[in-house]
PDB file of N, CA and C in Angstrom:
ATOM      1  N   MET A   1      -9.189 -30.953  -1.800  1.00  0.00           N
ATOM      2  CA  MET A   1      -8.680 -29.756  -2.468  1.00  0.00           C
ATOM      3  C   MET A   1      -8.560 -28.605  -1.808  1.00  0.00           C
ATOM      4  N   GLU A   2      -7.379 -27.968  -1.726  1.00  0.00           N
ATOM      5  CA  GLU A   2      -7.239 -26.558  -1.070  1.00  0.00           C
ATOM      6  C   GLU A   2      -7.871 -25.504  -1.662  1.00  0.00           C
ATOM      7  N   GLU A   3      -8.479 -24.575  -0.706  1.00  0.00           N
ATOM      8  CA  GLU A   3      -9.121 -23.488  -1.379  1.00  0.00           C
ATOM      9  C   GLU A   3      -8.055 -22.512  -1.856  1.00  0.00           C
ATOM     10  N   GLN A   4      -8.400 -21.981  -3.124  1.00  0.00           N
ATOM     11  CA  GLN A   4      -7.396 -20.955  -3.652  1.00  0.00           C
ATOM     12  C   GLN A   4      -7.885 -19.434  -3.249  1.00  0.00           C
ATOM     13  N   ASN A   5      -6.889 -18.650  -3.146  1.00  0.00           N
ATOM     14  CA  ASN A   5      -7.202 -17.372  -2.917  1.00  0.00           C
ATOM     15  C   ASN A   5      -7.434 -16.725  -4.256  1.00  0.00           C
ATOM     16  N   THR A   6      -8.724 -16.534  -4.549  1.00  0.00           N
ATOM     17  CA  THR A   6      -8.792 -15.858  -6.038  1.00  0.00           C
ATOM     18  C   THR A   6      -9.380 -14.533  -5.649  1.00  0.00           C
ATOM     19  N   VAL A   7      -8.757 -13.578  -6.518  1.00  0.00           N
ATOM     20  CA  VAL A   7      -9.035 -12.156  -6.453  1.00  0.00           C
ATOM     21  C   VAL A   7      -9.134 -11.644  -7.854  1.00  0.00           C
ATOM     22  N   SER A   8      -9.839 -10.538  -8.071  1.00  0.00           N
ATOM     23  CA  SER A   8      -9.978 -10.056  -9.432  1.00  0.00           C
ATOM     24  C   SER A   8      -8.588  -9.319  -9.810  1.00  0.00           C
ATOM     25  N   LYS A   9      -8.390  -9.235 -11.052  1.00  0.00           N
ATOM     26  CA  LYS A   9      -7.159  -8.600 -11.435  1.00  0.00           C
ATOM     27  C   LYS A   9      -7.164  -7.178 -10.946  1.00  0.00           C
ATOM     28  N   GLN A  10      -8.195  -6.332 -10.867  1.00  0.00           N
ATOM     29  CA  GLN A  10      -8.211  -4.996 -10.368  1.00  0.00           C
ATOM     30  C   GLN A  10      -7.807  -4.986  -8.859  1.00  0.00           C
ATOM     31  N   GLU A  11      -8.298  -5.973  -8.053  1.00  0.00           N
ATOM     32  CA  GLU A  11      -8.178  -6.087  -6.826  1.00  0.00           C
ATOM     33  C   GLU A  11      -6.614  -6.336  -6.401  1.00  0.00           C
ATOM     34  N   PHE A  12      -6.096  -7.253  -7.252  1.00  0.00           N
ATOM     35  CA  PHE A  12      -4.602  -7.459  -6.989  1.00  0.00           C
ATOM     36  C   PHE A  12      -3.795  -6.446  -7.351  1.00  0.00           C
ATOM     37  N   LEU A  13      -4.132  -5.675  -8.526  1.00  0.00           N
ATOM     38  CA  LEU A  13      -3.400  -4.431  -8.807  1.00  0.00           C
ATOM     39  C   LEU A  13      -3.462  -3.475  -7.734  1.00  0.00           C
ATOM     40  N   ARG A  14      -4.652  -3.306  -7.163  1.00  0.00           N
ATOM     41  CA  ARG A  14      -4.777  -2.351  -6.118  1.00  0.00           C
ATOM     42  C   ARG A  14      -3.997  -2.627  -4.935  1.00  0.00           C
ATOM     43  N   TRP A  15      -3.939  -3.973  -4.644  1.00  0.00           N
ATOM     44  CA  TRP A  15      -3.334  -4.259  -3.419  1.00  0.00           C
ATOM     45  C   TRP A  15      -1.927  -4.300  -3.657  1.00  0.00           C
ATOM     46  N   VAL A  16      -1.343  -4.561  -4.701  1.00  0.00           N
ATOM     47  CA  VAL A  16       0.159  -4.430  -4.890  1.00  0.00           C
ATOM     48  C   VAL A  16       0.669  -3.001  -4.956  1.00  0.00           C
ATOM     49  N   GLY A  17      -0.212  -2.113  -5.751  1.00  0.00           N
ATOM     50  CA  GLY A  17      -0.004  -0.578  -5.552  1.00  0.00           C
ATOM     51  C   GLY A  17      -0.048   0.025  -4.262  1.00  0.00           C
ATOM     52  N   LEU A  18      -1.004  -0.383  -3.404  1.00  0.00           N
ATOM     53  CA  LEU A  18      -1.002  -0.035  -2.056  1.00  0.00           C
ATOM     54  C   LEU A  18       0.252  -0.303  -1.124  1.00  0.00           C
ATOM     55  N   LYS A  19       0.514  -1.710  -1.507  1.00  0.00           N
ATOM     56  CA  LYS A  19       1.796  -2.131  -0.748  1.00  0.00           C
ATOM     57  C   LYS A  19       2.944  -1.491  -1.178  1.00  0.00           C
ATOM     58  N   ILE A  20       3.140  -1.037  -2.479  1.00  0.00           N
ATOM     59  CA  ILE A  20       4.316  -0.462  -2.965  1.00  0.00           C
ATOM     60  C   ILE A  20       4.437   1.083  -2.304  1.00  0.00           C
ATOM     61  N   ALA A  21       3.083   1.670  -2.323  1.00  0.00           N
ATOM     62  CA  ALA A  21       3.046   2.954  -1.727  1.00  0.00           C
ATOM     63  C   ALA A  21       3.349   3.009  -0.283  1.00  0.00           C
ATOM     64  N   ARG A  22       2.913   1.974   0.378  1.00  0.00           N
ATOM     65  CA  ARG A  22       3.224   1.890   1.908  1.00  0.00           C
ATOM     66  C   ARG A  22       4.769   1.747   2.337  1.00  0.00           C
ATOM     67  N   LEU A  23       5.356   0.757   1.325  1.00  0.00           N
ATOM     68  CA  LEU A  23       6.699   0.622   1.640  1.00  0.00           C
ATOM     69  C   LEU A  23       7.486   1.799   1.236  1.00  0.00           C
ATOM     70  N   ARG A  24       7.309   2.518   0.142  1.00  0.00           N
ATOM     71  CA  ARG A  24       7.961   3.662  -0.276  1.00  0.00           C
ATOM     72  C   ARG A  24       7.752   4.775   0.672  1.00  0.00           C
ATOM     73  N   ARG A  25       6.577   4.888   1.229  1.00  0.00           N
ATOM     74  CA  ARG A  25       6.302   5.969   2.273  1.00  0.00           C
ATOM     75  C   ARG A  25       7.163   5.682   3.675  1.00  0.00           C
ATOM     76  N   ALA A  26       7.172   4.592   3.864  1.00  0.00           N
ATOM     77  CA  ALA A  26       7.723   4.056   5.131  1.00  0.00           C
ATOM     78  C   ALA A  26       9.316   4.362   5.117  1.00  0.00           C
ATOM     79  N   LYS A  27       9.875   4.417   3.835  1.00  0.00           N
ATOM     80  CA  LYS A  27      11.213   4.883   3.597  1.00  0.00           C
ATOM     81  C   LYS A  27      11.343   6.365   3.547  1.00  0.00           C
ATOM     82  N   LYS A  28      10.172   7.010   3.546  1.00  0.00           N
ATOM     83  CA  LYS A  28      10.077   8.486   3.427  1.00  0.00           C
ATOM     84  C   LYS A  28      10.587   9.142   2.040  1.00  0.00           C
ATOM     85  N   ILE A  29      10.303   8.416   0.910  1.00  0.00           N
ATOM     86  CA  ILE A  29      10.661   8.713  -0.240  1.00  0.00           C
ATOM     87  C   ILE A  29       9.465   9.210  -1.185  1.00  0.00           C
ATOM     88  N   THR A  30       9.616  10.326  -1.759  1.00  0.00           N
ATOM     89  CA  THR A  30       8.470  10.888  -2.731  1.00  0.00           C
ATOM     90  C   THR A  30       8.397   9.984  -3.936  1.00  0.00           C
ATOM     91  N   GLN A  31       7.323   9.885  -4.692  1.00  0.00           N
ATOM     92  CA  GLN A  31       7.334   9.349  -5.913  1.00  0.00           C
ATOM     93  C   GLN A  31       8.120   9.651  -6.834  1.00  0.00           C
ATOM     94  N   ALA A  32       8.576  11.121  -6.949  1.00  0.00           N
ATOM     95  CA  ALA A  32       9.606  11.558  -7.918  1.00  0.00           C
ATOM     96  C   ALA A  32      11.031  11.164  -7.586  1.00  0.00           C
ATOM     97  N   ASP A  33      11.345  11.158  -6.412  1.00  0.00           N
ATOM     98  CA  ASP A  33      12.657  10.721  -5.834  1.00  0.00           C
ATOM     99  C   ASP A  33      12.779   9.165  -6.365  1.00  0.00           C
ATOM    100  N   PHE A  34      11.831   8.450  -5.720  1.00  0.00           N
ATOM    101  CA  PHE A  34      11.843   7.002  -6.124  1.00  0.00           C
ATOM    102  C   PHE A  34      11.909   6.678  -7.522  1.00  0.00           C
ATOM    103  N   ALA A  35      11.140   7.338  -8.344  1.00  0.00           N
ATOM    104  CA  ALA A  35      10.993   7.119  -9.854  1.00  0.00           C
ATOM    105  C   ALA A  35      12.476   7.380 -10.314  1.00  0.00           C
ATOM    106  N   ASP A  36      13.212   8.510  -9.917  1.00  0.00           N
ATOM    107  CA  ASP A  36      14.493   8.899 -10.468  1.00  0.00           C
ATOM    108  C   ASP A  36      15.474   7.975  -9.826  1.00  0.00           C
ATOM    109  N   ASP A  37      15.447   7.359  -8.738  1.00  0.00           N
ATOM    110  CA  ASP A  37      16.322   6.368  -8.037  1.00  0.00           C
ATOM    111  C   ASP A  37      16.274   4.956  -9.032  1.00  0.00           C
ATOM    112  N   ILE A  38      15.094   4.596  -9.530  1.00  0.00           N
ATOM    113  CA  ILE A  38      15.020   3.271 -10.152  1.00  0.00           C
ATOM    114  C   ILE A  38      15.006   3.369 -11.540  1.00  0.00           C
ATOM    115  N   GLY A  39      14.999   4.749 -12.072  1.00  0.00           N
ATOM    116  CA  GLY A  39      15.159   4.912 -13.569  1.00  0.00           C
ATOM    117  C   GLY A  39      13.801   4.758 -14.230  1.00  0.00           C
ATOM    118  N   VAL A  40      12.739   5.102 -13.785  1.00  0.00           N
ATOM    119  CA  VAL A  40      11.512   5.065 -14.465  1.00  0.00           C
ATOM    120  C   VAL A  40      10.744   6.603 -14.364  1.00  0.00           C
ATOM    121  N   MET A  41       9.770   6.685 -15.235  1.00  0.00           N
ATOM    122  CA  MET A  41       9.112   7.958 -15.056  1.00  0.00           C
ATOM    123  C   MET A  41       8.235   8.133 -13.942  1.00  0.00           C
ATOM    124  N   ILE A  42       7.974   9.312 -13.541  1.00  0.00           N
ATOM    125  CA  ILE A  42       7.292   9.316 -12.130  1.00  0.00           C
ATOM    126  C   ILE A  42       5.880   8.964 -12.425  1.00  0.00           C
ATOM    127  N   ASN A  43       5.340   9.046 -13.706  1.00  0.00           N
ATOM    128  CA  ASN A  43       3.911   8.642 -13.913  1.00  0.00           C
ATOM    129  C   ASN A  43       3.859   7.088 -13.811  1.00  0.00           C
ATOM    130  N   THR A  44       4.926   6.417 -14.114  1.00  0.00           N
ATOM    131  CA  THR A  44       4.787   4.985 -13.953  1.00  0.00           C
ATOM    132  C   THR A  44       4.571   4.524 -12.470  1.00  0.00           C
ATOM    133  N   ILE A  45       5.321   5.186 -11.450  1.00  0.00           N
ATOM    134  CA  ILE A  45       5.120   4.962 -10.118  1.00  0.00           C
ATOM    135  C   ILE A  45       3.792   5.304  -9.624  1.00  0.00           C
ATOM    136  N   SER A  46       3.304   6.492 -10.129  1.00  0.00           N
ATOM    137  CA  SER A  46       2.061   6.948  -9.825  1.00  0.00           C
ATOM    138  C   SER A  46       0.846   5.998 -10.372  1.00  0.00           C
ATOM    139  N   ARG A  47       1.036   5.546 -11.475  1.00  0.00           N
ATOM    140  CA  ARG A  47       0.046   4.620 -12.111  1.00  0.00           C
ATOM    141  C   ARG A  47       0.186   3.278 -11.628  1.00  0.00           C
ATOM    142  N   VAL A  48       1.173   2.799 -11.076  1.00  0.00           N
ATOM    143  CA  VAL A  48       1.358   1.408 -10.552  1.00  0.00           C
ATOM    144  C   VAL A  48       0.767   1.550  -9.145  1.00  0.00           C
ATOM    145  N   GLU A  49       1.056   2.513  -8.366  1.00  0.00           N
ATOM    146  CA  GLU A  49       0.473   2.610  -6.967  1.00  0.00           C
ATOM    147  C   GLU A  49      -0.859   2.922  -7.053  1.00  0.00           C
ATOM    148  N   GLY A  50      -1.479   3.505  -8.119  1.00  0.00           N
ATOM    149  CA  GLY A  50      -2.848   3.770  -8.281  1.00  0.00           C
ATOM    150  C   GLY A  50      -3.699   2.856  -8.862  1.00  0.00           C
ATOM    151  N   ALA A  51      -2.992   1.649  -9.202  1.00  0.00           N
ATOM    152  CA  ALA A  51      -3.627   0.415  -9.801  1.00  0.00           C
ATOM    153  C   ALA A  51      -4.333   0.810 -11.174  1.00  0.00           C
ATOM    154  N   LYS A  52      -3.628   1.747 -11.867  1.00  0.00           N
ATOM    155  CA  LYS A  52      -4.118   2.297 -13.136  1.00  0.00           C
ATOM    156  C   LYS A  52      -3.424   1.463 -14.307  1.00  0.00           C
ATOM    157  N   VAL A  53      -2.316   0.698 -14.082  1.00  0.00           N
ATOM    158  CA  VAL A  53      -1.684  -0.011 -15.053  1.00  0.00           C
ATOM    159  C   VAL A  53      -1.129  -1.378 -14.501  1.00  0.00           C
ATOM    160  N   ASP A  54      -1.104  -2.272 -15.428  1.00  0.00           N
ATOM    161  CA  ASP A  54      -0.815  -3.608 -14.953  1.00  0.00           C
ATOM    162  C   ASP A  54       0.848  -3.607 -15.629  1.00  0.00           C
ATOM    163  N   ALA A  55       1.523  -3.377 -14.544  1.00  0.00           N
ATOM    164  CA  ALA A  55       3.019  -3.098 -14.698  1.00  0.00           C
ATOM    165  C   ALA A  55       3.644  -4.455 -15.289  1.00  0.00           C
ATOM    166  N   ARG A  56       4.731  -4.246 -16.028  1.00  0.00           N
ATOM    167  CA  ARG A  56       5.588  -5.340 -16.423  1.00  0.00           C
ATOM    168  C   ARG A  56       6.414  -5.870 -15.213  1.00  0.00           C
ATOM    169  N   LEU A  57       6.652  -7.175 -15.467  1.00  0.00           N
ATOM    170  CA  LEU A  57       7.311  -7.781 -14.221  1.00  0.00           C
ATOM    171  C   LEU A  57       8.745  -7.243 -13.985  1.00  0.00           C
ATOM    172  N   SER A  58       9.372  -6.628 -15.168  1.00  0.00           N
ATOM    173  CA  SER A  58      10.783  -6.024 -14.954  1.00  0.00           C
ATOM    174  C   SER A  58      10.561  -4.748 -14.268  1.00  0.00           C
ATOM    175  N   THR A  59       9.436  -4.096 -14.473  1.00  0.00           N
ATOM    176  CA  THR A  59       9.092  -2.894 -13.603  1.00  0.00           C
ATOM    177  C   THR A  59       8.884  -3.259 -12.201  1.00  0.00           C
ATOM    178  N   LEU A  60       8.154  -4.173 -12.013  1.00  0.00           N
ATOM    179  CA  LEU A  60       7.919  -4.576 -10.516  1.00  0.00           C
ATOM    180  C   LEU A  60       9.224  -4.988 -10.020  1.00  0.00           C
ATOM    181  N   LYS A  61      10.090  -5.674 -10.715  1.00  0.00           N
ATOM    182  CA  LYS A  61      11.356  -6.029 -10.186  1.00  0.00           C
ATOM    183  C   LYS A  61      12.234  -4.894  -9.770  1.00  0.00           C
ATOM    184  N   SER A  62      12.197  -3.838 -10.544  1.00  0.00           N
ATOM    185  CA  SER A  62      12.989  -2.687 -10.283  1.00  0.00           C
ATOM    186  C   SER A  62      12.453  -2.075  -9.034  1.00  0.00           C
ATOM    187  N   ILE A  63      11.073  -1.962  -8.939  1.00  0.00           N
ATOM    188  CA  ILE A  63      10.402  -1.262  -7.870  1.00  0.00           C
ATOM    189  C   ILE A  63      10.862  -1.948  -6.566  1.00  0.00           C
ATOM    190  N   ALA A  64      10.803  -3.469  -6.602  1.00  0.00           N
ATOM    191  CA  ALA A  64      11.054  -4.299  -5.267  1.00  0.00           C
ATOM    192  C   ALA A  64      12.548  -4.000  -4.995  1.00  0.00           C
ATOM    193  N   ASP A  65      13.386  -3.927  -6.027  1.00  0.00           N
ATOM    194  CA  ASP A  65      14.913  -3.751  -5.641  1.00  0.00           C
ATOM    195  C   ASP A  65      14.995  -2.348  -5.089  1.00  0.00           C
ATOM    196  N   GLY A  66      14.351  -1.433  -5.587  1.00  0.00           N
ATOM    197  CA  GLY A  66      14.466  -0.099  -5.098  1.00  0.00           C
ATOM    198  C   GLY A  66      14.084   0.180  -3.663  1.00  0.00           C
ATOM    199  N   LEU A  67      12.967  -0.863  -3.226  1.00  0.00           N
ATOM    200  CA  LEU A  67      12.532  -0.694  -1.840  1.00  0.00           C
ATOM    201  C   LEU A  67      13.261  -1.573  -1.004  1.00  0.00           C
ATOM    202  N   GLY A  68      14.150  -2.462  -1.779  1.00  0.00           N
ATOM    203  CA  GLY A  68      14.868  -3.371  -0.877  1.00  0.00           C
ATOM    204  C   GLY A  68      14.204  -4.573  -0.204  1.00  0.00           C
ATOM    205  N   VAL A  69      13.118  -5.103  -1.094  1.00  0.00           N
ATOM    206  CA  VAL A  69      12.311  -6.210  -0.735  1.00  0.00           C
ATOM    207  C   VAL A  69      12.386  -7.178  -1.763  1.00  0.00           C
ATOM    208  N   PRO A  70      12.266  -8.389  -1.635  1.00  0.00           N
ATOM    209  CA  PRO A  70      12.120  -9.422  -2.579  1.00  0.00           C
ATOM    210  C   PRO A  70      10.994  -9.297  -3.511  1.00  0.00           C
ATOM    211  N   LEU A  71      10.925  -9.516  -4.749  1.00  0.00           N
ATOM    212  CA  LEU A  71       9.796  -9.461  -5.665  1.00  0.00           C
ATOM    213  C   LEU A  71       8.444 -10.216  -5.142  1.00  0.00           C
ATOM    214  N   ALA A  72       8.874 -11.404  -4.573  1.00  0.00           N
ATOM    215  CA  ALA A  72       7.751 -12.055  -4.031  1.00  0.00           C
ATOM    216  C   ALA A  72       6.993 -11.634  -2.938  1.00  0.00           C
ATOM    217  N   GLU A  73       7.601 -10.649  -2.235  1.00  0.00           N
ATOM    218  CA  GLU A  73       7.011  -9.992  -1.157  1.00  0.00           C
ATOM    219  C   GLU A  73       5.812  -8.965  -1.606  1.00  0.00           C
ATOM    220  N   LEU A  74       6.205  -8.298  -2.717  1.00  0.00           N
ATOM    221  CA  LEU A  74       5.305  -7.349  -3.475  1.00  0.00           C
ATOM    222  C   LEU A  74       4.046  -8.141  -3.918  1.00  0.00           C
ATOM    223  N   LEU A  75       4.260  -9.327  -4.439  1.00  0.00           N
ATOM    224  CA  LEU A  75       3.199 -10.190  -5.069  1.00  0.00           C
ATOM    225  C   LEU A  75       2.477 -11.060  -4.260  1.00  0.00           C
ATOM    226  N   ASP A  76       2.963 -11.141  -2.913  1.00  0.00           N
ATOM    227  CA  ASP A  76       2.333 -12.122  -1.951  1.00  0.00           C
ATOM    228  C   ASP A  76       1.001 -11.983  -1.689  1.00  0.00           C
ATOM    229  N   LEU A  77      -0.047 -12.909  -2.233  1.00  0.00           N
ATOM    230  CA  LEU A  77      -1.393 -12.695  -1.913  1.00  0.00           C
ATOM    231  C   LEU A  77      -1.736 -13.201  -0.583  1.00  0.00           C
ATOM    232  N   GLU A  78      -0.908 -13.817   0.264  1.00  0.00           N
ATOM    233  CA  GLU A  78      -1.212 -14.280   1.672  1.00  0.00           C
ATOM    234  C   GLU A  78      -1.631 -13.187   2.496  1.00  0.00           C
ATOM    235  N   GLU A  79      -0.976 -11.933   2.202  1.00  0.00           N
ATOM    236  CA  GLU A  79      -1.290 -10.795   2.948  1.00  0.00           C
ATOM    237  C   GLU A  79      -2.522  -9.976   2.448  1.00  0.00           C
ATOM    238  N   PHE A  80      -3.023 -10.418   1.210  1.00  0.00           N
ATOM    239  CA  PHE A  80      -4.212  -9.738   0.586  1.00  0.00           C
ATOM    240  C   PHE A  80      -5.304  -9.645   1.712  1.00  0.00           C
ATOM    241  N   PRO A  81      -5.858  -8.524   1.805  1.00  0.00           N
ATOM    242  CA  PRO A  81      -6.900  -8.410   2.886  1.00  0.00           C
ATOM    243  C   PRO A  81      -8.080  -9.384   2.622  1.00  0.00           C
ATOM    244  N   LYS A  82      -8.626 -10.043   3.614  1.00  0.00           N
ATOM    245  CA  LYS A  82      -9.571 -11.000   3.489  1.00  0.00           C
ATOM    246  C   LYS A  82     -10.957 -10.278   3.114  1.00  0.00           C
ATOM    247  N   SER A  83     -11.103  -9.171   3.832  1.00  0.00           N
ATOM    248  CA  SER A  83     -12.310  -8.390   3.618  1.00  0.00           C
ATOM    249  C   SER A  83     -11.865  -7.170   2.819  1.00  0.00           C
ATOM    250  N   ASN A  84     -11.965  -7.206   1.526  1.00  0.00           N
ATOM    251  CA  ASN A  84     -11.511  -6.027   0.691  1.00  0.00           C
ATOM    252  C   ASN A  84     -11.994  -4.901   1.087  1.00  0.00           C
ATOM    253  N   LEU A  85     -11.209  -3.775   1.285  1.00  0.00           N
ATOM    254  CA  LEU A  85     -11.798  -2.457   1.470  1.00  0.00           C
ATOM    255  C   LEU A  85     -12.227  -1.580   0.307  1.00  0.00           C
ATOM    256  N   THR A  86     -13.270  -1.092   0.271  1.00  0.00           N
ATOM    257  CA  THR A  86     -13.645  -0.258  -0.961  1.00  0.00           C
ATOM    258  C   THR A  86     -12.620   0.886  -1.118  1.00  0.00           C
ATOM    259  N   ASN A  87     -12.576   1.379  -2.361  1.00  0.00           N
ATOM    260  CA  ASN A  87     -11.583   2.514  -2.696  1.00  0.00           C
ATOM    261  C   ASN A  87     -11.922   3.647  -1.746  1.00  0.00           C
ATOM    262  N   SER A  88     -13.270   3.955  -1.412  1.00  0.00           N
ATOM    263  CA  SER A  88     -13.657   4.883  -0.630  1.00  0.00           C
ATOM    264  C   SER A  88     -12.872   4.811   0.670  1.00  0.00           C
ATOM    265  N   ASN A  89     -13.264   3.564   1.246  1.00  0.00           N
ATOM    266  CA  ASN A  89     -12.584   3.338   2.672  1.00  0.00           C
ATOM    267  C   ASN A  89     -11.030   3.338   2.731  1.00  0.00           C
ATOM    268  N   GLU A  90     -10.345   2.805   1.604  1.00  0.00           N
ATOM    269  CA  GLU A  90      -8.967   2.899   1.477  1.00  0.00           C
ATOM    270  C   GLU A  90      -8.591   4.321   1.456  1.00  0.00           C
ATOM    271  N   ARG A  91      -9.155   5.251   0.587  1.00  0.00           N
ATOM    272  CA  ARG A  91      -8.761   6.662   0.477  1.00  0.00           C
ATOM    273  C   ARG A  91      -8.990   7.279   2.017  1.00  0.00           C
ATOM    274  N   THR A  92      -9.942   6.896   2.661  1.00  0.00           N
ATOM    275  CA  THR A  92     -10.192   7.498   4.034  1.00  0.00           C
ATOM    276  C   THR A  92      -9.071   7.073   4.942  1.00  0.00           C
ATOM    277  N   ILE A  93      -8.657   5.841   4.841  1.00  0.00           N
ATOM    278  CA  ILE A  93      -7.702   5.435   5.762  1.00  0.00           C
ATOM    279  C   ILE A  93      -6.333   6.115   5.406  1.00  0.00           C
ATOM    280  N   GLU A  94      -6.131   6.333   3.980  1.00  0.00           N
ATOM    281  CA  GLU A  94      -4.724   6.984   3.727  1.00  0.00           C
ATOM    282  C   GLU A  94      -4.853   8.500   4.106  1.00  0.00           C
ATOM    283  N   GLU A  95      -6.080   9.119   4.107  1.00  0.00           N
ATOM    284  CA  GLU A  95      -6.144  10.466   4.561  1.00  0.00           C
ATOM    285  C   GLU A  95      -5.927  10.503   5.996  1.00  0.00           C
ATOM    286  N   ILE A  96      -6.485   9.640   6.709  1.00  0.00           N
ATOM    287  CA  ILE A  96      -6.247   9.669   8.135  1.00  0.00           C
ATOM    288  C   ILE A  96      -4.804   9.586   8.404  1.00  0.00           C
ATOM    289  N   ALA A  97      -4.075   8.569   7.861  1.00  0.00           N
ATOM    290  CA  ALA A  97      -2.652   8.506   7.851  1.00  0.00           C
ATOM    291  C   ALA A  97      -1.856   9.710   7.554  1.00  0.00           C
ATOM    292  N   ARG A  98      -2.367  10.429   6.560  1.00  0.00           N
ATOM    293  CA  ARG A  98      -1.789  11.855   6.268  1.00  0.00           C
ATOM    294  C   ARG A  98      -1.890  12.753   7.265  1.00  0.00           C
ATOM    295  N   LEU A  99      -3.108  12.750   7.790  1.00  0.00           N
ATOM    296  CA  LEU A  99      -3.348  13.702   8.797  1.00  0.00           C
ATOM    297  C   LEU A  99      -2.489  13.452  10.057  1.00  0.00           C
ATOM    298  N   CYS A 100      -2.271  12.102  10.417  1.00  0.00           N
ATOM    299  CA  CYS A 100      -1.460  11.876  11.662  1.00  0.00           C
ATOM    300  C   CYS A 100      -0.100  12.064  11.704  1.00  0.00           C
ATOM    301  N   ARG A 101       0.536  12.365  10.371  1.00  0.00           N
ATOM    302  CA  ARG A 101       1.902  12.646  10.195  1.00  0.00           C
ATOM    303  C   ARG A 101       2.327  13.783  11.074  1.00  0.00           C
ATOM    304  N   GLY A 102       3.389  13.644  11.637  1.00  0.00           N
ATOM    305  CA  GLY A 102       3.873  14.743  12.549  1.00  0.00           C
ATOM    306  C   GLY A 102       3.300  14.792  13.991  1.00  0.00           C
ATOM    307  N   PHE A 103       2.211  13.892  14.224  1.00  0.00           N
ATOM    308  CA  PHE A 103       1.942  13.807  15.700  1.00  0.00           C
ATOM    309  C   PHE A 103       3.051  13.168  16.659  1.00  0.00           C
ATOM    310  N   ASP A 104       2.893  13.643  17.775  1.00  0.00           N
ATOM    311  CA  ASP A 104       3.801  12.990  18.820  1.00  0.00           C
ATOM    312  C   ASP A 104       3.361  11.651  19.246  1.00  0.00           C
ATOM    313  N   GLU A 105       4.166  10.808  19.921  1.00  0.00           N
ATOM    314  CA  GLU A 105       3.786   9.508  20.193  1.00  0.00           C
ATOM    315  C   GLU A 105       2.579   9.380  21.144  1.00  0.00           C
ATOM    316  N   LYS A 106       2.502  10.255  22.051  1.00  0.00           N
ATOM    317  CA  LYS A 106       1.369  10.354  22.943  1.00  0.00           C
ATOM    318  C   LYS A 106       0.082  10.671  22.036  1.00  0.00           C
ATOM    319  N   SER A 107      -0.044  11.574  21.244  1.00  0.00           N
ATOM    320  CA  SER A 107      -1.191  11.730  20.346  1.00  0.00           C
ATOM    321  C   SER A 107      -1.536  10.483  19.672  1.00  0.00           C
ATOM    322  N   LEU A 108      -0.502   9.899  19.175  1.00  0.00           N
ATOM    323  CA  LEU A 108      -0.805   8.751  18.076  1.00  0.00           C
ATOM    324  C   LEU A 108      -1.392   7.700  19.003  1.00  0.00           C
ATOM    325  N   GLN A 109      -0.912   7.366  20.240  1.00  0.00           N
ATOM    326  CA  GLN A 109      -1.337   6.487  21.005  1.00  0.00           C
ATOM    327  C   GLN A 109      -2.825   6.720  21.408  1.00  0.00           C
ATOM    328  N   ALA A 110      -3.147   8.049  21.621  1.00  0.00           N
ATOM    329  CA  ALA A 110      -4.527   8.415  21.974  1.00  0.00           C
ATOM    330  C   ALA A 110      -5.441   8.050  20.760  1.00  0.00           C
ATOM    331  N   ILE A 111      -4.930   8.314  19.576  1.00  0.00           N
ATOM    332  CA  ILE A 111      -5.818   8.136  18.304  1.00  0.00           C
ATOM    333  C   ILE A 111      -5.991   6.433  18.146  1.00  0.00           C
ATOM    334  N   LYS A 112      -4.901   5.773  18.429  1.00  0.00           N
ATOM    335  CA  LYS A 112      -5.110   4.167  18.455  1.00  0.00           C
ATOM    336  C   LYS A 112      -6.046   3.797  19.452  1.00  0.00           C
ATOM    337  N   ALA A 113      -5.900   4.354  20.719  1.00  0.00           N
ATOM    338  CA  ALA A 113      -6.960   3.954  21.627  1.00  0.00           C
ATOM    339  C   ALA A 113      -8.403   4.096  21.270  1.00  0.00           C
ATOM    340  N   LEU A 114      -8.552   5.274  20.731  1.00  0.00           N
ATOM    341  CA  LEU A 114      -9.941   5.725  20.198  1.00  0.00           C
ATOM    342  C   LEU A 114     -10.408   4.774  19.114  1.00  0.00           C
ATOM    343  N   VAL A 115      -9.455   4.481  18.123  1.00  0.00           N
ATOM    344  CA  VAL A 115     -10.100   3.516  17.134  1.00  0.00           C
ATOM    345  C   VAL A 115     -10.240   2.155  17.674  1.00  0.00           C
ATOM    346  N   LYS A 116      -9.448   1.724  18.670  1.00  0.00           N
ATOM    347  CA  LYS A 116      -9.844   0.481  19.388  1.00  0.00           C
ATOM    348  C   LYS A 116     -11.143   0.428  20.015  1.00  0.00           C
ATOM    349  N   ALA A 117     -11.435   1.712  20.747  1.00  0.00           N
ATOM    350  CA  ALA A 117     -12.712   1.665  21.374  1.00  0.00           C
ATOM    351  C   ALA A 117     -13.961   1.628  20.450  1.00  0.00           C
ATOM    352  N   MET A 118     -13.696   2.374  19.303  1.00  0.00           N
ATOM    353  CA  MET A 118     -14.600   2.329  18.151  1.00  0.00           C
ATOM    354  C   MET A 118     -14.923   0.897  17.711  1.00  0.00           C
ATOM    355  N   GLN A 119     -13.767   0.015  17.501  1.00  0.00           N
ATOM    356  CA  GLN A 119     -13.899  -1.351  17.065  1.00  0.00           C
ATOM    357  C   GLN A 119     -14.859  -2.103  18.126  1.00  0.00           C
ATOM    358  N   TYR A 120     -14.576  -1.825  19.313  1.00  0.00           N
ATOM    359  CA  TYR A 120     -15.175  -2.526  20.382  1.00  0.00           C
ATOM    360  C   TYR A 120     -16.833  -2.162  20.404  1.00  0.00           C
ATOM    361  N   LEU A 121     -17.095  -0.942  20.183  1.00  0.00           N
ATOM    362  CA  LEU A 121     -18.419  -0.591  20.162  1.00  0.00           C
ATOM    363  C   LEU A 121     -19.121  -1.135  18.773  1.00  0.00           C
ATOM    364  N   LYS A 122     -18.516  -1.299  17.860  1.00  0.00           N
ATOM    365  CA  LYS A 122     -18.997  -1.761  16.549  1.00  0.00           C
ATOM    366  C   LYS A 122     -19.458  -3.143  16.715  1.00  0.00           C
ATOM    367  N   LYS A 123     -18.874  -3.955  17.556  1.00  0.00           N
ATOM    368  CA  LYS A 123     -19.243  -5.387  17.726  1.00  0.00           C
ATOM    369  C   LYS A 123     -20.584  -5.555  18.411  1.00  0.00           C
TER     370      LYS A 123
END
């Protein structure tokens, strides 16, 4: 029998919300603009991205369409992190990403090298 990837409902909602937020940010679209583009309230996007609501399938379909990805991609558990990050760790990672916005390529490469060195030292 194959091992199933079982995650809690809250973990799944958090993962889907983070995935949506990352895809939206990659397109450099604010929550307000995205909500307007797909015809939902901004608080809907905020609550879905923050895992505060179990969105209806029709809402997720609108979000996927707005992001230009198949709905299955948003719901794909194959990409679900094997070692789930805590909310605190995820917030820290998101904060680091925000702080790095606007850095030039050389600075980003230096940050990446620093993180890799820290990973090596952790072992």
